[in-house]
Amino acid sequence: MATILLIVHLMIAAGLVAVVLLQRSEGGGLGIGGGGSGLMSGRGQANFLTRLTAGLAAAFFVTSISLTLLARQGARPVSPLDAPISSPGSPAPKGGVLDSLEQGKQRLPSPPKSE
């Protein structure tokens, strides 16, 4: 599912780049223009490209959010306090930081008694 969505996302991105480059800028740019003759007038073409750009931009946002949600679906949030602490050469404790601190308190020698 994620692979198909990623391919669609990349196609939308490429289409968005192409449509933006086809639009006529104030200085002429890469716009195809075409004058007043032909199938579409300059104004009709500008309206069509503007709507197409807006539609592709909306689709780009939707696929971006969908890909983010799919990526986060399998991951569970990890708290730094739940991560096990281990020193090199010693076996990893079976709990998180708080459990290892509790185990460390139990292993500490008692202070010498003064007489």
PDB file of N, CA and C in Angstrom:
ATOM      1  N   MET A   1       0.817  -1.189   0.000  1.00  0.00           N
ATOM      2  CA  MET A   1       0.000   0.000   0.000  1.00  0.00           C
ATOM      3  C   MET A   1       0.862   1.255   0.000  1.00  0.00           C
ATOM      4  N   ALA A   2       1.884   1.261   0.859  1.00  0.00           N
ATOM      5  CA  ALA A   2       2.748   2.432   0.954  1.00  0.00           C
ATOM      6  C   ALA A   2       3.537   2.642  -0.339  1.00  0.00           C
ATOM      7  N   THR A   3       3.931   1.555  -0.984  1.00  0.00           N
ATOM      8  CA  THR A   3       4.692   1.671  -2.229  1.00  0.00           C
ATOM      9  C   THR A   3       3.843   2.285  -3.333  1.00  0.00           C
ATOM     10  N   ILE A   4       2.605   1.843  -3.435  1.00  0.00           N
ATOM     11  CA  ILE A   4       1.706   2.391  -4.458  1.00  0.00           C
ATOM     12  C   ILE A   4       1.447   3.864  -4.185  1.00  0.00           C
ATOM     13  N   LEU A   5       1.215   4.202  -2.932  1.00  0.00           N
ATOM     14  CA  LEU A   5       0.966   5.595  -2.570  1.00  0.00           C
ATOM     15  C   LEU A   5       2.200   6.463  -2.836  1.00  0.00           C
ATOM     16  N   LEU A   6       3.381   5.906  -2.595  1.00  0.00           N
ATOM     17  CA  LEU A   6       4.610   6.647  -2.866  1.00  0.00           C
ATOM     18  C   LEU A   6       4.788   6.898  -4.359  1.00  0.00           C
ATOM     19  N   ILE A   7       4.462   5.915  -5.185  1.00  0.00           N
ATOM     20  CA  ILE A   7       4.562   6.091  -6.635  1.00  0.00           C
ATOM     21  C   ILE A   7       3.570   7.153  -7.110  1.00  0.00           C
ATOM     22  N   VAL A   8       2.344   7.111  -6.588  1.00  0.00           N
ATOM     23  CA  VAL A   8       1.345   8.125  -6.942  1.00  0.00           C
ATOM     24  C   VAL A   8       1.816   9.506  -6.492  1.00  0.00           C
ATOM     25  N   HIS A   9       2.408   9.574  -5.305  1.00  0.00           N
ATOM     26  CA  HIS A   9       2.919  10.837  -4.773  1.00  0.00           C
ATOM     27  C   HIS A   9       4.003  11.418  -5.684  1.00  0.00           C
ATOM     28  N   LEU A  10       4.907  10.578  -6.145  1.00  0.00           N
ATOM     29  CA  LEU A  10       5.975  11.037  -7.036  1.00  0.00           C
ATOM     30  C   LEU A  10       5.424  11.490  -8.386  1.00  0.00           C
ATOM     31  N   MET A  11       4.407  10.791  -8.890  1.00  0.00           N
ATOM     32  CA  MET A  11       3.783  11.199 -10.154  1.00  0.00           C
ATOM     33  C   MET A  11       3.086  12.556  -9.992  1.00  0.00           C
ATOM     34  N   ILE A  12       2.420  12.756  -8.866  1.00  0.00           N
ATOM     35  CA  ILE A  12       1.765  14.042  -8.608  1.00  0.00           C
ATOM     36  C   ILE A  12       2.804  15.153  -8.514  1.00  0.00           C
ATOM     37  N   ALA A  13       3.925  14.876  -7.854  1.00  0.00           N
ATOM     38  CA  ALA A  13       4.982  15.881  -7.719  1.00  0.00           C
ATOM     39  C   ALA A  13       5.543  16.260  -9.086  1.00  0.00           C
ATOM     40  N   ALA A  14       5.787  15.267  -9.940  1.00  0.00           N
ATOM     41  CA  ALA A  14       6.296  15.553 -11.281  1.00  0.00           C
ATOM     42  C   ALA A  14       5.271  16.344 -12.097  1.00  0.00           C
ATOM     43  N   GLY A  15       3.998  15.980 -11.989  1.00  0.00           N
ATOM     44  CA  GLY A  15       2.948  16.713 -12.683  1.00  0.00           C
ATOM     45  C   GLY A  15       2.830  18.140 -12.189  1.00  0.00           C
ATOM     46  N   LEU A  16       2.983  18.333 -10.902  1.00  0.00           N
ATOM     47  CA  LEU A  16       2.910  19.671 -10.329  1.00  0.00           C
ATOM     48  C   LEU A  16       4.043  20.550 -10.845  1.00  0.00           C
ATOM     49  N   VAL A  17       5.230  20.001 -10.917  1.00  0.00           N
ATOM     50  CA  VAL A  17       6.372  20.750 -11.459  1.00  0.00           C
ATOM     51  C   VAL A  17       6.117  21.118 -12.913  1.00  0.00           C
ATOM     52  N   ALA A  18       5.626  20.162 -13.697  1.00  0.00           N
ATOM     53  CA  ALA A  18       5.366  20.416 -15.118  1.00  0.00           C
ATOM     54  C   ALA A  18       4.299  21.488 -15.309  1.00  0.00           C
ATOM     55  N   VAL A  19       3.225  21.430 -14.542  1.00  0.00           N
ATOM     56  CA  VAL A  19       2.141  22.403 -14.684  1.00  0.00           C
ATOM     57  C   VAL A  19       2.605  23.796 -14.280  1.00  0.00           C
ATOM     58  N   VAL A  20       3.409  23.890 -13.238  1.00  0.00           N
ATOM     59  CA  VAL A  20       3.912  25.198 -12.814  1.00  0.00           C
ATOM     60  C   VAL A  20       4.830  25.778 -13.895  1.00  0.00           C
ATOM     61  N   LEU A  21       5.646  24.935 -14.508  1.00  0.00           N
ATOM     62  CA  LEU A  21       6.532  25.430 -15.561  1.00  0.00           C
ATOM     63  C   LEU A  21       5.769  25.831 -16.825  1.00  0.00           C
ATOM     64  N   LEU A  22       4.619  25.252 -17.062  1.00  0.00           N
ATOM     65  CA  LEU A  22       3.834  25.589 -18.242  1.00  0.00           C
ATOM     66  C   LEU A  22       3.093  26.912 -18.110  1.00  0.00           C
ATOM     67  N   GLN A  23       2.911  27.367 -16.897  1.00  0.00           N
ATOM     68  CA  GLN A  23       2.151  28.596 -16.701  1.00  0.00           C
ATOM     69  C   GLN A  23       2.943  29.802 -17.192  1.00  0.00           C
ATOM     70  N   ARG A  24       2.221  30.746 -17.730  1.00  0.00           N
ATOM     71  CA  ARG A  24       2.859  31.958 -18.240  1.00  0.00           C
ATOM     72  C   ARG A  24       3.166  32.871 -17.065  1.00  0.00           C
ATOM     73  N   SER A  25       4.403  33.295 -16.984  1.00  0.00           N
ATOM     74  CA  SER A  25       4.778  34.236 -15.933  1.00  0.00           C
ATOM     75  C   SER A  25       4.706  35.638 -16.501  1.00  0.00           C
ATOM     76  N   GLU A  26       4.973  36.623 -15.686  1.00  0.00           N
ATOM     77  CA  GLU A  26       4.907  38.006 -16.143  1.00  0.00           C
ATOM     78  C   GLU A  26       5.963  38.307 -17.186  1.00  0.00           C
ATOM     79  N   GLY A  27       7.104  37.628 -17.091  1.00  0.00           N
ATOM     80  CA  GLY A  27       8.181  37.874 -18.033  1.00  0.00           C
ATOM     81  C   GLY A  27       8.175  36.918 -19.209  1.00  0.00           C
ATOM     82  N   GLY A  28       7.191  36.085 -19.343  1.00  0.00           N
ATOM     83  CA  GLY A  28       7.160  35.118 -20.438  1.00  0.00           C
ATOM     84  C   GLY A  28       7.570  33.748 -19.957  1.00  0.00           C
ATOM     85  N   GLY A  29       8.696  33.641 -19.301  1.00  0.00           N
ATOM     86  CA  GLY A  29       9.169  32.393 -18.702  1.00  0.00           C
ATOM     87  C   GLY A  29       9.141  31.217 -19.656  1.00  0.00           C
ATOM     88  N   LEU A  30       8.735  30.072 -19.176  1.00  0.00           N
ATOM     89  CA  LEU A  30       8.634  28.860 -19.972  1.00  0.00           C
ATOM     90  C   LEU A  30       7.214  28.606 -20.435  1.00  0.00           C
ATOM     91  N   GLY A  31       6.340  29.583 -20.241  1.00  0.00           N
ATOM     92  CA  GLY A  31       4.935  29.420 -20.610  1.00  0.00           C
ATOM     93  C   GLY A  31       4.774  29.164 -22.102  1.00  0.00           C
ATOM     94  N   ILE A  32       3.763  28.366 -22.455  1.00  0.00           N
ATOM     95  CA  ILE A  32       3.569  28.029 -23.861  1.00  0.00           C
ATOM     96  C   ILE A  32       2.687  29.036 -24.562  1.00  0.00           C
ATOM     97  N   GLY A  33       1.992  29.886 -23.801  1.00  0.00           N
ATOM     98  CA  GLY A  33       1.232  30.992 -24.377  1.00  0.00           C
ATOM     99  C   GLY A  33       0.318  30.576 -25.515  1.00  0.00           C
ATOM    100  N   GLY A  34       0.690  30.845 -26.727  1.00  0.00           N
ATOM    101  CA  GLY A  34      -0.076  30.410 -27.873  1.00  0.00           C
ATOM    102  C   GLY A  34      -0.926  31.484 -28.510  1.00  0.00           C
ATOM    103  N   GLY A  35      -1.017  32.661 -27.923  1.00  0.00           N
ATOM    104  CA  GLY A  35      -1.787  33.725 -28.544  1.00  0.00           C
ATOM    105  C   GLY A  35      -3.287  33.501 -28.419  1.00  0.00           C
ATOM    106  N   GLY A  36      -4.080  34.242 -29.247  1.00  0.00           N
ATOM    107  CA  GLY A  36      -5.526  34.185 -29.157  1.00  0.00           C
ATOM    108  C   GLY A  36      -6.145  33.072 -29.984  1.00  0.00           C
ATOM    109  N   SER A  37      -5.433  32.508 -30.936  1.00  0.00           N
ATOM    110  CA  SER A  37      -5.999  31.451 -31.769  1.00  0.00           C
ATOM    111  C   SER A  37      -5.744  30.084 -31.157  1.00  0.00           C
ATOM    112  N   GLY A  38      -6.380  29.087 -31.711  1.00  0.00           N
ATOM    113  CA  GLY A  38      -6.176  27.734 -31.208  1.00  0.00           C
ATOM    114  C   GLY A  38      -7.368  27.267 -30.412  1.00  0.00           C
ATOM    115  N   LEU A  39      -7.186  26.122 -29.770  1.00  0.00           N
ATOM    116  CA  LEU A  39      -8.286  25.500 -29.044  1.00  0.00           C
ATOM    117  C   LEU A  39      -8.700  26.320 -27.828  1.00  0.00           C
ATOM    118  N   MET A  40      -7.709  26.812 -27.098  1.00  0.00           N
ATOM    119  CA  MET A  40      -8.013  27.571 -25.888  1.00  0.00           C
ATOM    120  C   MET A  40      -7.412  28.960 -26.006  1.00  0.00           C
ATOM    121  N   SER A  41      -8.112  29.940 -25.514  1.00  0.00           N
ATOM    122  CA  SER A  41      -7.557  31.292 -25.486  1.00  0.00           C
ATOM    123  C   SER A  41      -6.566  31.386 -24.333  1.00  0.00           C
ATOM    124  N   GLY A  42      -5.822  32.466 -24.286  1.00  0.00           N
ATOM    125  CA  GLY A  42      -4.836  32.649 -23.218  1.00  0.00           C
ATOM    126  C   GLY A  42      -5.473  32.665 -21.847  1.00  0.00           C
ATOM    127  N   ARG A  43      -6.637  33.313 -21.732  1.00  0.00           N
ATOM    128  CA  ARG A  43      -7.321  33.400 -20.443  1.00  0.00           C
ATOM    129  C   ARG A  43      -7.876  32.037 -20.025  1.00  0.00           C
ATOM    130  N   GLY A  44      -8.475  31.313 -20.958  1.00  0.00           N
ATOM    131  CA  GLY A  44      -9.018  29.986 -20.648  1.00  0.00           C
ATOM    132  C   GLY A  44      -7.930  29.012 -20.246  1.00  0.00           C
ATOM    133  N   GLN A  45      -6.787  29.134 -20.913  1.00  0.00           N
ATOM    134  CA  GLN A  45      -5.660  28.266 -20.575  1.00  0.00           C
ATOM    135  C   GLN A  45      -5.124  28.601 -19.190  1.00  0.00           C
ATOM    136  N   ALA A  46      -5.039  29.874 -18.866  1.00  0.00           N
ATOM    137  CA  ALA A  46      -4.549  30.282 -17.546  1.00  0.00           C
ATOM    138  C   ALA A  46      -5.482  29.777 -16.450  1.00  0.00           C
ATOM    139  N   ASN A  47      -6.793  29.881 -16.674  1.00  0.00           N
ATOM    140  CA  ASN A  47      -7.739  29.378 -15.675  1.00  0.00           C
ATOM    141  C   ASN A  47      -7.604  27.870 -15.505  1.00  0.00           C
ATOM    142  N   PHE A  48      -7.459  27.151 -16.622  1.00  0.00           N
ATOM    143  CA  PHE A  48      -7.313  25.696 -16.553  1.00  0.00           C
ATOM    144  C   PHE A  48      -6.037  25.305 -15.812  1.00  0.00           C
ATOM    145  N   LEU A  49      -4.915  25.956 -16.129  1.00  0.00           N
ATOM    146  CA  LEU A  49      -3.647  25.621 -15.474  1.00  0.00           C
ATOM    147  C   LEU A  49      -3.666  25.995 -13.999  1.00  0.00           C
ATOM    148  N   THR A  50      -4.352  27.084 -13.670  1.00  0.00           N
ATOM    149  CA  THR A  50      -4.456  27.475 -12.263  1.00  0.00           C
ATOM    150  C   THR A  50      -5.259  26.441 -11.478  1.00  0.00           C
ATOM    151  N   ARG A  51      -6.368  25.998 -12.047  1.00  0.00           N
ATOM    152  CA  ARG A  51      -7.184  24.975 -11.368  1.00  0.00           C
ATOM    153  C   ARG A  51      -6.450  23.649 -11.284  1.00  0.00           C
ATOM    154  N   LEU A  52      -5.733  23.303 -12.334  1.00  0.00           N
ATOM    155  CA  LEU A  52      -4.966  22.053 -12.324  1.00  0.00           C
ATOM    156  C   LEU A  52      -3.855  22.104 -11.277  1.00  0.00           C
ATOM    157  N   THR A  53      -3.212  23.259 -11.167  1.00  0.00           N
ATOM    158  CA  THR A  53      -2.168  23.431 -10.148  1.00  0.00           C
ATOM    159  C   THR A  53      -2.753  23.281  -8.747  1.00  0.00           C
ATOM    160  N   ALA A  54      -3.897  23.892  -8.516  1.00  0.00           N
ATOM    161  CA  ALA A  54      -4.534  23.804  -7.195  1.00  0.00           C
ATOM    162  C   ALA A  54      -4.947  22.363  -6.885  1.00  0.00           C
ATOM    163  N   GLY A  55      -5.473  21.669  -7.875  1.00  0.00           N
ATOM    164  CA  GLY A  55      -5.864  20.272  -7.662  1.00  0.00           C
ATOM    165  C   GLY A  55      -4.672  19.372  -7.382  1.00  0.00           C
ATOM    166  N   LEU A  56      -3.591  19.570  -8.148  1.00  0.00           N
ATOM    167  CA  LEU A  56      -2.386  18.762  -7.908  1.00  0.00           C
ATOM    168  C   LEU A  56      -1.753  19.092  -6.561  1.00  0.00           C
ATOM    169  N   ALA A  57      -1.801  20.361  -6.160  1.00  0.00           N
ATOM    170  CA  ALA A  57      -1.253  20.737  -4.852  1.00  0.00           C
ATOM    171  C   ALA A  57      -2.054  20.089  -3.721  1.00  0.00           C
ATOM    172  N   ALA A  58      -3.374  20.088  -3.857  1.00  0.00           N
ATOM    173  CA  ALA A  58      -4.209  19.445  -2.837  1.00  0.00           C
ATOM    174  C   ALA A  58      -3.934  17.943  -2.786  1.00  0.00           C
ATOM    175  N   ALA A  59      -3.798  17.301  -3.956  1.00  0.00           N
ATOM    176  CA  ALA A  59      -3.488  15.869  -3.988  1.00  0.00           C
ATOM    177  C   ALA A  59      -2.112  15.596  -3.384  1.00  0.00           C
ATOM    178  N   PHE A  60      -1.158  16.501  -3.612  1.00  0.00           N
ATOM    179  CA  PHE A  60       0.187  16.350  -3.043  1.00  0.00           C
ATOM    180  C   PHE A  60       0.131  16.390  -1.519  1.00  0.00           C
ATOM    181  N   PHE A  61      -0.645  17.324  -0.971  1.00  0.00           N
ATOM    182  CA  PHE A  61      -0.778  17.400   0.487  1.00  0.00           C
ATOM    183  C   PHE A  61      -1.452  16.156   1.051  1.00  0.00           C
ATOM    184  N   VAL A  62      -2.485  15.685   0.391  1.00  0.00           N
ATOM    185  CA  VAL A  62      -3.202  14.500   0.874  1.00  0.00           C
ATOM    186  C   VAL A  62      -2.292  13.275   0.860  1.00  0.00           C
ATOM    187  N   THR A  63      -1.534  13.087  -0.227  1.00  0.00           N
ATOM    188  CA  THR A  63      -0.640  11.923  -0.277  1.00  0.00           C
ATOM    189  C   THR A  63       0.512  12.069   0.715  1.00  0.00           C
ATOM    190  N   SER A  64       0.972  13.286   0.943  1.00  0.00           N
ATOM    191  CA  SER A  64       2.035  13.495   1.939  1.00  0.00           C
ATOM    192  C   SER A  64       1.561  13.112   3.334  1.00  0.00           C
ATOM    193  N   ILE A  65       0.378  13.563   3.692  1.00  0.00           N
ATOM    194  CA  ILE A  65      -0.168  13.238   5.015  1.00  0.00           C
ATOM    195  C   ILE A  65      -0.451  11.746   5.124  1.00  0.00           C
ATOM    196  N   SER A  66      -0.960  11.146   4.053  1.00  0.00           N
ATOM    197  CA  SER A  66      -1.233   9.704   4.064  1.00  0.00           C
ATOM    198  C   SER A  66       0.038   8.896   4.241  1.00  0.00           C
ATOM    199  N   LEU A  67       1.111   9.290   3.555  1.00  0.00           N
ATOM    200  CA  LEU A  67       2.387   8.587   3.712  1.00  0.00           C
ATOM    201  C   LEU A  67       2.926   8.728   5.133  1.00  0.00           C
ATOM    202  N   THR A  68       2.742   9.898   5.723  1.00  0.00           N
ATOM    203  CA  THR A  68       3.183  10.104   7.106  1.00  0.00           C
ATOM    204  C   THR A  68       2.402   9.210   8.067  1.00  0.00           C
ATOM    205  N   LEU A  69       1.100   9.138   7.871  1.00  0.00           N
ATOM    206  CA  LEU A  69       0.279   8.296   8.743  1.00  0.00           C
ATOM    207  C   LEU A  69       0.614   6.814   8.573  1.00  0.00           C
ATOM    208  N   LEU A  70       0.882   6.396   7.348  1.00  0.00           N
ATOM    209  CA  LEU A  70       1.263   4.996   7.118  1.00  0.00           C
ATOM    210  C   LEU A  70       2.608   4.671   7.754  1.00  0.00           C
ATOM    211  N   ALA A  71       3.527   5.617   7.716  1.00  0.00           N
ATOM    212  CA  ALA A  71       4.846   5.387   8.304  1.00  0.00           C
ATOM    213  C   ALA A  71       4.768   5.306   9.821  1.00  0.00           C
ATOM    214  N   ARG A  72       3.882   6.089  10.416  1.00  0.00           N
ATOM    215  CA  ARG A  72       3.762   6.109  11.873  1.00  0.00           C
ATOM    216  C   ARG A  72       2.875   5.001  12.413  1.00  0.00           C
ATOM    217  N   GLN A  73       2.140   4.322  11.536  1.00  0.00           N
ATOM    218  CA  GLN A  73       1.175   3.324  11.977  1.00  0.00           C
ATOM    219  C   GLN A  73       1.856   2.152  12.696  1.00  0.00           C
ATOM    220  N   GLY A  74       2.955   1.668  12.168  1.00  0.00           N
ATOM    221  CA  GLY A  74       3.618   0.521  12.770  1.00  0.00           C
ATOM    222  C   GLY A  74       4.520   0.880  13.934  1.00  0.00           C
ATOM    223  N   ALA A  75       4.931   2.129  14.030  1.00  0.00           N
ATOM    224  CA  ALA A  75       5.850   2.538  15.093  1.00  0.00           C
ATOM    225  C   ALA A  75       5.067   2.868  16.349  1.00  0.00           C
ATOM    226  N   ARG A  76       5.605   2.429  17.465  1.00  0.00           N
ATOM    227  CA  ARG A  76       4.968   2.789  18.721  1.00  0.00           C
ATOM    228  C   ARG A  76       5.860   3.812  19.406  1.00  0.00           C
ATOM    229  N   PRO A  77       5.281   4.786  20.062  1.00  0.00           N
ATOM    230  CA  PRO A  77       6.099   5.814  20.698  1.00  0.00           C
ATOM    231  C   PRO A  77       6.968   5.214  21.797  1.00  0.00           C
ATOM    232  N   VAL A  78       8.206   5.625  21.826  1.00  0.00           N
ATOM    233  CA  VAL A  78       9.154   5.101  22.799  1.00  0.00           C
ATOM    234  C   VAL A  78       9.575   6.234  23.709  1.00  0.00           C
ATOM    235  N   SER A  79       9.433   6.000  24.983  1.00  0.00           N
ATOM    236  CA  SER A  79       9.867   6.973  25.972  1.00  0.00           C
ATOM    237  C   SER A  79      11.323   6.691  26.328  1.00  0.00           C
ATOM    238  N   PRO A  80      12.130   7.716  26.511  1.00  0.00           N
ATOM    239  CA  PRO A  80      13.519   7.477  26.924  1.00  0.00           C
ATOM    240  C   PRO A  80      13.598   6.759  28.262  1.00  0.00           C
ATOM    241  N   LEU A  81      12.565   6.882  29.089  1.00  0.00           N
ATOM    242  CA  LEU A  81      12.590   6.207  30.383  1.00  0.00           C
ATOM    243  C   LEU A  81      12.322   4.709  30.250  1.00  0.00           C
ATOM    244  N   ASP A  82      11.765   4.281  29.116  1.00  0.00           N
ATOM    245  CA  ASP A  82      11.508   2.864  28.906  1.00  0.00           C
ATOM    246  C   ASP A  82      12.676   2.143  28.241  1.00  0.00           C
ATOM    247  N   ALA A  83      13.624   2.873  27.723  1.00  0.00           N
ATOM    248  CA  ALA A  83      14.752   2.255  27.017  1.00  0.00           C
ATOM    249  C   ALA A  83      15.694   1.600  28.029  1.00  0.00           C
ATOM    250  N   PRO A  84      16.147   0.382  27.750  1.00  0.00           N
ATOM    251  CA  PRO A  84      17.056  -0.285  28.682  1.00  0.00           C
ATOM    252  C   PRO A  84      18.445   0.354  28.661  1.00  0.00           C
ATOM    253  N   ILE A  85      19.079   0.362  29.816  1.00  0.00           N
ATOM    254  CA  ILE A  85      20.442   0.883  29.943  1.00  0.00           C
ATOM    255  C   ILE A  85      21.351  -0.313  30.148  1.00  0.00           C
ATOM    256  N   SER A  86      22.421  -0.360  29.392  1.00  0.00           N
ATOM    257  CA  SER A  86      23.388  -1.444  29.590  1.00  0.00           C
ATOM    258  C   SER A  86      24.780  -0.890  29.379  1.00  0.00           C
ATOM    259  N   SER A  87      25.691  -1.359  30.180  1.00  0.00           N
ATOM    260  CA  SER A  87      27.090  -0.978  30.005  1.00  0.00           C
ATOM    261  C   SER A  87      27.774  -2.072  29.193  1.00  0.00           C
ATOM    262  N   PRO A  88      28.859  -1.746  28.517  1.00  0.00           N
ATOM    263  CA  PRO A  88      29.528  -2.761  27.690  1.00  0.00           C
ATOM    264  C   PRO A  88      29.970  -3.955  28.530  1.00  0.00           C
ATOM    265  N   GLY A  89      29.678  -5.124  28.041  1.00  0.00           N
ATOM    266  CA  GLY A  89      30.086  -6.347  28.712  1.00  0.00           C
ATOM    267  C   GLY A  89      29.092  -6.881  29.718  1.00  0.00           C
ATOM    268  N   SER A  90      28.084  -6.121  30.072  1.00  0.00           N
ATOM    269  CA  SER A  90      27.104  -6.613  31.038  1.00  0.00           C
ATOM    270  C   SER A  90      25.798  -6.905  30.312  1.00  0.00           C
ATOM    271  N   PRO A  91      25.038  -7.858  30.821  1.00  0.00           N
ATOM    272  CA  PRO A  91      23.758  -8.141  30.166  1.00  0.00           C
ATOM    273  C   PRO A  91      22.797  -6.976  30.349  1.00  0.00           C
ATOM    274  N   ALA A  92      21.956  -6.795  29.367  1.00  0.00           N
ATOM    275  CA  ALA A  92      20.995  -5.692  29.414  1.00  0.00           C
ATOM    276  C   ALA A  92      19.941  -5.971  30.475  1.00  0.00           C
ATOM    277  N   PRO A  93      19.570  -4.967  31.248  1.00  0.00           N
ATOM    278  CA  PRO A  93      18.512  -5.176  32.233  1.00  0.00           C
ATOM    279  C   PRO A  93      17.182  -5.409  31.539  1.00  0.00           C
ATOM    280  N   LYS A  94      16.264  -6.035  32.268  1.00  0.00           N
ATOM    281  CA  LYS A  94      14.985  -6.400  31.665  1.00  0.00           C
ATOM    282  C   LYS A  94      13.938  -5.310  31.760  1.00  0.00           C
ATOM    283  N   GLY A  95      14.267  -4.160  32.230  1.00  0.00           N
ATOM    284  CA  GLY A  95      13.292  -3.089  32.328  1.00  0.00           C
ATOM    285  C   GLY A  95      13.824  -1.828  31.697  1.00  0.00           C
ATOM    286  N   GLY A  96      13.227  -0.733  32.068  1.00  0.00           N
ATOM    287  CA  GLY A  96      13.669   0.547  31.566  1.00  0.00           C
ATOM    288  C   GLY A  96      14.641   1.189  32.534  1.00  0.00           C
ATOM    289  N   VAL A  97      14.807   2.473  32.403  1.00  0.00           N
ATOM    290  CA  VAL A  97      15.737   3.215  33.234  1.00  0.00           C
ATOM    291  C   VAL A  97      15.323   3.137  34.703  1.00  0.00           C
ATOM    292  N   LEU A  98      14.050   3.292  34.955  1.00  0.00           N
ATOM    293  CA  LEU A  98      13.588   3.281  36.341  1.00  0.00           C
ATOM    294  C   LEU A  98      13.813   1.923  36.995  1.00  0.00           C
ATOM    295  N   ASP A  99      13.587   0.846  36.250  1.00  0.00           N
ATOM    296  CA  ASP A  99      13.824  -0.487  36.801  1.00  0.00           C
ATOM    297  C   ASP A  99      15.308  -0.708  37.091  1.00  0.00           C
ATOM    298  N   SER A 100      16.169  -0.237  36.205  1.00  0.00           N
ATOM    299  CA  SER A 100      17.600  -0.426  36.435  1.00  0.00           C
ATOM    300  C   SER A 100      18.077   0.405  37.621  1.00  0.00           C
ATOM    301  N   LEU A 101      17.463   1.568  37.841  1.00  0.00           N
ATOM    302  CA  LEU A 101      17.820   2.361  39.025  1.00  0.00           C
ATOM    303  C   LEU A 101      17.388   1.655  40.299  1.00  0.00           C
ATOM    304  N   GLU A 102      16.213   1.050  40.268  1.00  0.00           N
ATOM    305  CA  GLU A 102      15.748   0.301  41.434  1.00  0.00           C
ATOM    306  C   GLU A 102      16.673  -0.887  41.706  1.00  0.00           C
ATOM    307  N   GLN A 103      17.114  -1.566  40.664  1.00  0.00           N
ATOM    308  CA  GLN A 103      18.027  -2.691  40.844  1.00  0.00           C
ATOM    309  C   GLN A 103      19.364  -2.202  41.385  1.00  0.00           C
ATOM    310  N   GLY A 104      19.792  -1.019  40.917  1.00  0.00           N
ATOM    311  CA  GLY A 104      21.055  -0.458  41.398  1.00  0.00           C
ATOM    312  C   GLY A 104      20.991  -0.108  42.871  1.00  0.00           C
ATOM    313  N   LYS A 105      19.853   0.353  43.350  1.00  0.00           N
ATOM    314  CA  LYS A 105      19.691   0.670  44.773  1.00  0.00           C
ATOM    315  C   LYS A 105      19.797  -0.593  45.614  1.00  0.00           C
ATOM    316  N   GLN A 106      19.258  -1.671  45.108  1.00  0.00           N
ATOM    317  CA  GLN A 106      19.287  -2.920  45.850  1.00  0.00           C
ATOM    318  C   GLN A 106      20.700  -3.493  45.905  1.00  0.00           C
ATOM    319  N   ARG A 107      21.524  -3.210  44.899  1.00  0.00           N
ATOM    320  CA  ARG A 107      22.882  -3.774  44.851  1.00  0.00           C
ATOM    321  C   ARG A 107      23.903  -2.937  45.614  1.00  0.00           C
ATOM    322  N   LEU A 108      23.551  -1.702  45.967  1.00  0.00           N
ATOM    323  CA  LEU A 108      24.528  -0.853  46.651  1.00  0.00           C
ATOM    324  C   LEU A 108      24.832  -1.409  48.041  1.00  0.00           C
ATOM    325  N   PRO A 109      26.104  -1.405  48.394  1.00  0.00           N
ATOM    326  CA  PRO A 109      26.439  -1.876  49.744  1.00  0.00           C
ATOM    327  C   PRO A 109      25.956  -0.845  50.772  1.00  0.00           C
ATOM    328  N   SER A 110      25.627  -1.345  51.904  1.00  0.00           N
ATOM    329  CA  SER A 110      25.173  -0.451  52.966  1.00  0.00           C
ATOM    330  C   SER A 110      26.372   0.314  53.511  1.00  0.00           C
ATOM    331  N   PRO A 111      26.142   1.544  53.935  1.00  0.00           N
ATOM    332  CA  PRO A 111      27.287   2.353  54.446  1.00  0.00           C
ATOM    333  C   PRO A 111      27.800   1.742  55.745  1.00  0.00           C
ATOM    334  N   PRO A 112      29.118   1.898  55.991  1.00  0.00           N
ATOM    335  CA  PRO A 112      29.685   1.327  57.225  1.00  0.00           C
ATOM    336  C   PRO A 112      29.089   2.004  58.465  1.00  0.00           C
ATOM    337  N   LYS A 113      28.860   1.195  59.455  1.00  0.00           N
ATOM    338  CA  LYS A 113      28.282   1.712  60.693  1.00  0.00           C
ATOM    339  C   LYS A 113      29.392   2.279  61.575  1.00  0.00           C
ATOM    340  N   SER A 114      29.123   3.437  62.124  1.00  0.00           N
ATOM    341  CA  SER A 114      30.127   4.032  63.022  1.00  0.00           C
ATOM    342  C   SER A 114      29.819   3.600  64.453  1.00  0.00           C
ATOM    343  N   GLU A 115      30.837   3.287  65.181  1.00  0.00           N
ATOM    344  CA  GLU A 115      30.639   2.805  66.551  1.00  0.00           C
ATOM    345  C   GLU A 115      31.009   3.800  67.557  1.00  0.00           C
TER     346      GLU A 115
END
